[in-house]
Amino acid sequence: MSRTLTITVPDSLAAELDQRVASGAYASRSTAVVDGLRELFSREEALDSWLRDEVGPAYDELREDPTRALSPETVRAHIAGIHAQSASGA
């Protein structure tokens, strides 16, 4: 079942939308908007799941035992290592 909605978007978004429809990336404005909304909802659900299933429990564990926390220096070094590995293409 479908429902008709009327939305107002900035000119720049309307132009981008029209360009994507004209290029054949989407069959219509409606399909592009529906795809965009589905992607938005999917990302929000993934974020909510991550916060609930990973961040929340990790926070609770650190509250129970603060000695498990990593120092800022350790975190920075870990991130720098990941960045260096990514930059080298490994």
N, C-alpha and C. Protein backbone atom coordinates (compact mmCIF):
# COMPACT_ATOMS: atom_id res chain seq x y z
N MET A 1 0.84 -1.17 0.00
CA MET A 1 0.00 0.00 0.00
C MET A 1 0.89 1.24 0.00
N SER A 2 0.49 2.26 -0.69
CA SER A 2 1.25 3.50 -0.79
C SER A 2 0.41 4.67 -0.35
N ARG A 3 1.11 5.72 0.03
CA ARG A 3 0.43 6.96 0.40
C ARG A 3 1.19 8.11 -0.26
N THR A 4 0.46 9.08 -0.75
CA THR A 4 1.06 10.24 -1.39
C THR A 4 1.44 11.26 -0.33
N LEU A 5 2.69 11.71 -0.41
CA LEU A 5 3.18 12.76 0.48
C LEU A 5 3.67 13.92 -0.36
N THR A 6 3.53 15.11 0.15
CA THR A 6 4.07 16.28 -0.51
C THR A 6 5.22 16.80 0.35
N ILE A 7 6.40 16.94 -0.27
CA ILE A 7 7.57 17.42 0.48
C ILE A 7 8.16 18.63 -0.23
N THR A 8 8.87 19.42 0.53
CA THR A 8 9.60 20.56 -0.01
C THR A 8 11.08 20.34 0.27
N VAL A 9 11.88 20.44 -0.78
CA VAL A 9 13.33 20.26 -0.64
C VAL A 9 14.04 21.47 -1.22
N PRO A 10 15.27 21.71 -0.77
CA PRO A 10 16.05 22.81 -1.35
C PRO A 10 16.27 22.58 -2.85
N ASP A 11 16.42 23.67 -3.57
CA ASP A 11 16.64 23.59 -5.02
C ASP A 11 17.80 22.67 -5.38
N SER A 12 18.88 22.73 -4.60
CA SER A 12 20.05 21.92 -4.91
C SER A 12 19.73 20.42 -4.82
N LEU A 13 18.94 20.03 -3.83
CA LEU A 13 18.55 18.62 -3.73
C LEU A 13 17.60 18.22 -4.85
N ALA A 14 16.69 19.10 -5.20
CA ALA A 14 15.76 18.81 -6.29
C ALA A 14 16.53 18.63 -7.60
N ALA A 15 17.53 19.47 -7.83
CA ALA A 15 18.33 19.36 -9.05
C ALA A 15 19.11 18.05 -9.07
N GLU A 16 19.70 17.69 -7.94
CA GLU A 16 20.43 16.43 -7.84
C GLU A 16 19.50 15.24 -8.06
N LEU A 17 18.33 15.30 -7.47
CA LEU A 17 17.33 14.25 -7.64
C LEU A 17 16.94 14.11 -9.10
N ASP A 18 16.65 15.23 -9.75
CA ASP A 18 16.27 15.20 -11.16
C ASP A 18 17.40 14.66 -12.03
N GLN A 19 18.64 15.01 -11.69
CA GLN A 19 19.79 14.53 -12.45
C GLN A 19 19.91 13.00 -12.33
N ARG A 20 19.69 12.48 -11.14
CA ARG A 20 19.79 11.03 -10.95
C ARG A 20 18.67 10.29 -11.67
N VAL A 21 17.50 10.87 -11.68
CA VAL A 21 16.39 10.25 -12.42
C VAL A 21 16.70 10.30 -13.92
N ALA A 22 17.17 11.44 -14.41
CA ALA A 22 17.49 11.59 -15.83
C ALA A 22 18.60 10.63 -16.27
N SER A 23 19.54 10.34 -15.36
CA SER A 23 20.65 9.45 -15.71
C SER A 23 20.23 7.98 -15.72
N GLY A 24 19.04 7.71 -15.20
CA GLY A 24 18.57 6.33 -15.14
C GLY A 24 18.91 5.63 -13.85
N ALA A 25 19.56 6.33 -12.93
CA ALA A 25 19.89 5.72 -11.64
C ALA A 25 18.63 5.36 -10.87
N TYR A 26 17.59 6.13 -11.08
CA TYR A 26 16.28 5.87 -10.46
C TYR A 26 15.21 6.02 -11.52
N ALA A 27 14.14 5.25 -11.37
CA ALA A 27 13.05 5.30 -12.34
C ALA A 27 12.22 6.57 -12.19
N SER A 28 12.18 7.10 -10.97
CA SER A 28 11.37 8.29 -10.72
C SER A 28 11.85 8.97 -9.45
N ARG A 29 11.36 10.17 -9.23
CA ARG A 29 11.67 10.87 -7.98
C ARG A 29 11.21 10.04 -6.79
N SER A 30 10.03 9.46 -6.92
CA SER A 30 9.47 8.67 -5.82
C SER A 30 10.37 7.51 -5.45
N THR A 31 10.86 6.77 -6.44
CA THR A 31 11.72 5.63 -6.12
C THR A 31 13.02 6.08 -5.46
N ALA A 32 13.54 7.22 -5.90
CA ALA A 32 14.76 7.74 -5.29
C ALA A 32 14.52 8.13 -3.83
N VAL A 33 13.41 8.79 -3.57
CA VAL A 33 13.10 9.20 -2.19
C VAL A 33 12.85 7.98 -1.33
N VAL A 34 12.11 7.00 -1.85
CA VAL A 34 11.85 5.78 -1.09
C VAL A 34 13.16 5.06 -0.78
N ASP A 35 14.05 4.93 -1.77
CA ASP A 35 15.35 4.29 -1.53
C ASP A 35 16.14 5.06 -0.47
N GLY A 36 16.12 6.38 -0.56
CA GLY A 36 16.82 7.20 0.42
C GLY A 36 16.28 7.03 1.83
N LEU A 37 14.97 6.98 1.95
CA LEU A 37 14.36 6.78 3.27
C LEU A 37 14.68 5.39 3.82
N ARG A 38 14.64 4.39 2.96
CA ARG A 38 14.99 3.04 3.42
C ARG A 38 16.43 2.99 3.92
N GLU A 39 17.33 3.63 3.19
CA GLU A 39 18.73 3.67 3.60
C GLU A 39 18.88 4.40 4.93
N LEU A 40 18.21 5.53 5.07
CA LEU A 40 18.25 6.29 6.32
C LEU A 40 17.76 5.44 7.49
N PHE A 41 16.62 4.79 7.32
CA PHE A 41 16.06 3.98 8.40
C PHE A 41 16.97 2.80 8.73
N SER A 42 17.58 2.21 7.71
CA SER A 42 18.51 1.10 7.92
C SER A 42 19.73 1.55 8.72
N ARG A 43 20.28 2.70 8.36
CA ARG A 43 21.44 3.23 9.09
C ARG A 43 21.09 3.56 10.53
N GLU A 44 19.91 4.15 10.73
CA GLU A 44 19.49 4.48 12.09
C GLU A 44 19.33 3.21 12.92
N GLU A 45 18.75 2.17 12.33
CA GLU A 45 18.59 0.91 13.06
C GLU A 45 19.94 0.29 13.38
N ALA A 46 20.87 0.34 12.41
CA ALA A 46 22.21 -0.20 12.66
C ALA A 46 22.90 0.57 13.78
N LEU A 47 22.77 1.88 13.79
CA LEU A 47 23.36 2.69 14.85
C LEU A 47 22.73 2.36 16.19
N ASP A 48 21.41 2.28 16.23
CA ASP A 48 20.72 1.93 17.47
C ASP A 48 21.17 0.56 17.98
N SER A 49 21.29 -0.40 17.08
CA SER A 49 21.73 -1.74 17.47
C SER A 49 23.15 -1.71 18.02
N TRP A 50 24.04 -0.99 17.36
CA TRP A 50 25.43 -0.88 17.81
C TRP A 50 25.49 -0.25 19.19
N LEU A 51 24.75 0.84 19.38
CA LEU A 51 24.74 1.48 20.69
C LEU A 51 24.20 0.54 21.76
N ARG A 52 23.13 -0.14 21.46
CA ARG A 52 22.48 -1.03 22.43
C ARG A 52 23.32 -2.28 22.70
N ASP A 53 23.85 -2.90 21.63
CA ASP A 53 24.48 -4.21 21.77
C ASP A 53 25.98 -4.15 22.07
N GLU A 54 26.65 -3.05 21.69
CA GLU A 54 28.09 -2.99 21.89
C GLU A 54 28.52 -1.84 22.81
N VAL A 55 28.06 -0.65 22.53
CA VAL A 55 28.51 0.50 23.31
C VAL A 55 27.96 0.44 24.73
N GLY A 56 26.67 0.17 24.87
CA GLY A 56 26.07 0.11 26.20
C GLY A 56 26.75 -0.90 27.11
N PRO A 57 26.89 -2.16 26.66
CA PRO A 57 27.56 -3.15 27.50
C PRO A 57 29.02 -2.78 27.80
N ALA A 58 29.74 -2.22 26.83
CA ALA A 58 31.13 -1.81 27.08
C ALA A 58 31.18 -0.71 28.13
N TYR A 59 30.26 0.23 28.05
CA TYR A 59 30.19 1.30 29.04
C TYR A 59 29.91 0.71 30.43
N ASP A 60 28.95 -0.20 30.49
CA ASP A 60 28.62 -0.83 31.78
C ASP A 60 29.82 -1.57 32.36
N GLU A 61 30.57 -2.28 31.51
CA GLU A 61 31.76 -3.00 31.98
C GLU A 61 32.80 -2.04 32.52
N LEU A 62 33.00 -0.92 31.85
CA LEU A 62 33.98 0.05 32.33
C LEU A 62 33.54 0.73 33.62
N ARG A 63 32.25 0.93 33.77
CA ARG A 63 31.74 1.51 35.03
C ARG A 63 31.99 0.54 36.19
N GLU A 64 31.83 -0.76 35.91
CA GLU A 64 32.05 -1.77 36.95
C GLU A 64 33.53 -1.94 37.27
N ASP A 65 34.40 -1.81 36.25
CA ASP A 65 35.84 -2.01 36.45
C ASP A 65 36.61 -0.98 35.63
N PRO A 66 36.78 0.23 36.18
CA PRO A 66 37.47 1.30 35.43
C PRO A 66 38.91 0.97 35.06
N THR A 67 39.52 -0.01 35.71
CA THR A 67 40.90 -0.36 35.37
C THR A 67 41.02 -0.98 33.98
N ARG A 68 39.90 -1.38 33.39
CA ARG A 68 39.91 -1.95 32.05
C ARG A 68 40.03 -0.89 30.96
N ALA A 69 39.87 0.36 31.34
CA ALA A 69 39.90 1.46 30.35
C ALA A 69 41.30 1.61 29.76
N LEU A 70 41.35 2.00 28.50
CA LEU A 70 42.62 2.28 27.84
C LEU A 70 42.97 3.75 28.02
N SER A 71 44.25 4.02 28.08
CA SER A 71 44.69 5.42 28.20
C SER A 71 44.49 6.12 26.86
N PRO A 72 44.37 7.44 26.90
CA PRO A 72 44.26 8.19 25.63
C PRO A 72 45.44 7.91 24.69
N GLU A 73 46.62 7.76 25.26
CA GLU A 73 47.81 7.51 24.44
C GLU A 73 47.70 6.16 23.72
N THR A 74 47.21 5.16 24.43
CA THR A 74 47.04 3.84 23.83
C THR A 74 46.02 3.88 22.70
N VAL A 75 44.94 4.58 22.93
CA VAL A 75 43.90 4.70 21.90
C VAL A 75 44.45 5.43 20.68
N ARG A 76 45.16 6.54 20.91
CA ARG A 76 45.75 7.29 19.79
C ARG A 76 46.71 6.42 18.99
N ALA A 77 47.55 5.66 19.69
CA ALA A 77 48.51 4.79 19.01
C ALA A 77 47.79 3.72 18.19
N HIS A 78 46.74 3.17 18.74
CA HIS A 78 45.96 2.16 18.02
C HIS A 78 45.33 2.75 16.76
N ILE A 79 44.74 3.93 16.89
CA ILE A 79 44.12 4.59 15.74
C ILE A 79 45.17 4.94 14.69
N ALA A 80 46.33 5.42 15.14
CA ALA A 80 47.41 5.75 14.21
C ALA A 80 47.86 4.50 13.46
N GLY A 81 47.92 3.37 14.15
CA GLY A 81 48.30 2.12 13.49
C GLY A 81 47.29 1.70 12.44
N ILE A 82 46.02 1.83 12.77
CA ILE A 82 44.97 1.50 11.80
C ILE A 82 45.06 2.43 10.60
N HIS A 83 45.27 3.72 10.87
CA HIS A 83 45.37 4.69 9.78
C HIS A 83 46.57 4.38 8.89
N ALA A 84 47.71 4.07 9.50
CA ALA A 84 48.92 3.77 8.72
C ALA A 84 48.70 2.52 7.87
N GLN A 85 48.06 1.52 8.45
CA GLN A 85 47.79 0.29 7.72
C GLN A 85 46.84 0.56 6.55
N SER A 86 45.84 1.38 6.78
CA SER A 86 44.88 1.73 5.74
C SER A 86 45.56 2.53 4.62
N ALA A 87 46.43 3.46 5.01
CA ALA A 87 47.11 4.30 4.02
C ALA A 87 48.08 3.50 3.16
N SER A 88 48.63 2.42 3.73
CA SER A 88 49.58 1.61 2.97
C SER A 88 48.89 0.59 2.08
N GLY A 89 47.57 0.50 2.20
CA GLY A 89 46.81 -0.41 1.36
C GLY A 89 46.80 -1.84 1.87
N ALA A 90 47.28 -2.05 3.06
CA ALA A 90 47.32 -3.42 3.62
C ALA A 90 45.97 -3.88 4.10
